[in-house]
Amino acid sequence: MFGTISFLRTFNFTKKKSMSIVKVIEVIASSEKSFDDAVKNAVTEVSKTVRNIDSVYVQDLKAHVKDGKITTYGCICKLSFRVD
């Protein structure tokens, strides 16, 4: 398994310049490889159901440790996307 993902909350923002609607969702993702891979997992999983992803903001990073070694890398990300 490459990682897990959980949806936390959704925000709605309106850009005034072109009147586009942008949504921001917050997700939790993980990886057994690296923080970078955890962020990529977040984008990959969200991309399966959401179109027009514009950006990802990494809000927090966390690693689980067992016997002195990192076992899982995790991140909380906010992904923004334009609504059609």
Protein backbone atom coordinates (compact mmCIF):
# COMPACT_ATOMS: atom_id res chain seq x y z
CA MET A 1 0.00 0.00 0.00
CA PHE A 2 1.43 3.37 -0.99
CA GLY A 3 -0.43 5.44 1.59
CA THR A 4 -3.69 6.45 3.09
CA ILE A 5 -5.72 9.59 2.66
CA SER A 6 -8.44 11.17 4.75
CA PHE A 7 -10.61 14.17 3.95
CA LEU A 8 -10.95 16.67 6.78
CA ARG A 9 -12.84 19.74 5.62
CA THR A 10 -13.79 21.84 2.61
CA PHE A 11 -13.51 25.61 2.16
CA ASN A 12 -15.03 27.79 -0.58
CA PHE A 13 -13.24 30.89 -1.89
CA THR A 14 -14.15 33.19 -4.76
CA LYS A 15 -11.47 34.91 -6.80
CA LYS A 16 -12.76 38.40 -7.69
CA LYS A 17 -10.59 38.99 -10.75
CA SER A 18 -12.14 36.43 -13.10
CA MET A 19 -15.05 35.38 -10.86
CA SER A 20 -13.83 31.80 -10.73
CA ILE A 21 -14.80 29.70 -7.77
CA VAL A 22 -11.94 27.94 -6.05
CA LYS A 23 -12.44 25.21 -3.47
CA VAL A 24 -9.85 24.14 -0.94
CA ILE A 25 -9.94 20.71 0.62
CA GLU A 26 -7.75 19.50 3.45
CA VAL A 27 -6.42 15.95 3.30
CA ILE A 28 -4.17 13.71 5.34
CA ALA A 29 -1.83 11.43 3.39
CA SER A 30 0.95 9.04 4.28
CA SER A 31 3.79 7.04 2.80
CA GLU A 32 6.31 4.49 3.95
CA LYS A 33 8.98 6.08 1.68
CA SER A 34 9.22 9.84 2.32
CA PHE A 35 7.42 13.11 3.00
CA ASP A 36 7.68 13.92 -0.71
CA ASP A 37 5.94 10.65 -1.55
CA ALA A 38 3.20 11.38 1.02
CA VAL A 39 2.46 14.72 -0.71
CA LYS A 40 2.45 13.00 -4.11
CA ASN A 41 -0.01 10.41 -2.73
CA ALA A 42 -2.31 13.22 -1.59
CA VAL A 43 -2.33 14.80 -5.06
CA THR A 44 -2.68 11.43 -6.83
CA GLU A 45 -5.62 10.29 -4.72
CA VAL A 46 -7.49 13.59 -4.91
CA SER A 47 -6.88 13.71 -8.69
CA LYS A 48 -8.94 10.54 -9.05
CA THR A 49 -12.14 12.43 -8.17
CA VAL A 50 -11.29 16.14 -8.48
CA ARG A 51 -10.38 18.05 -11.65
CA ASN A 52 -8.56 21.36 -12.11
CA ILE A 53 -6.21 21.08 -9.13
CA ASP A 54 -4.15 24.27 -9.03
CA SER A 55 -1.92 23.90 -6.00
CA VAL A 56 -1.04 21.96 -2.89
CA TYR A 57 -0.04 23.62 0.38
CA VAL A 58 1.68 21.39 2.92
CA GLN A 59 0.39 22.48 6.30
CA ASP A 60 2.08 19.96 8.58
CA LEU A 61 4.46 17.01 8.53
CA LYS A 62 4.63 14.07 10.93
CA ALA A 63 6.66 10.86 11.12
CA HIS A 64 5.94 7.74 13.15
CA VAL A 65 8.96 6.09 14.77
CA LYS A 66 9.37 2.50 15.88
CA ASP A 67 12.55 1.05 17.37
CA GLY A 68 14.47 4.21 16.51
CA LYS A 69 13.50 4.17 12.82
CA ILE A 70 10.90 6.13 10.87
CA THR A 71 8.14 3.78 9.77
CA THR A 72 5.60 6.16 8.23
CA TYR A 73 5.75 9.70 6.87
CA GLY A 74 2.56 11.75 7.01
CA CYS A 75 1.37 15.16 5.90
CA ILE A 76 -1.65 17.41 6.14
CA CYS A 77 -2.19 19.18 2.81
CA LYS A 78 -4.60 21.75 1.44
CA LEU A 79 -5.36 21.31 -2.25
CA SER A 80 -7.08 24.07 -4.21
CA PHE A 81 -9.01 23.54 -7.42
CA ARG A 82 -11.20 25.57 -9.75
CA VAL A 83 -14.87 24.68 -9.91
CA ASP A 84 -16.37 24.48 -13.43
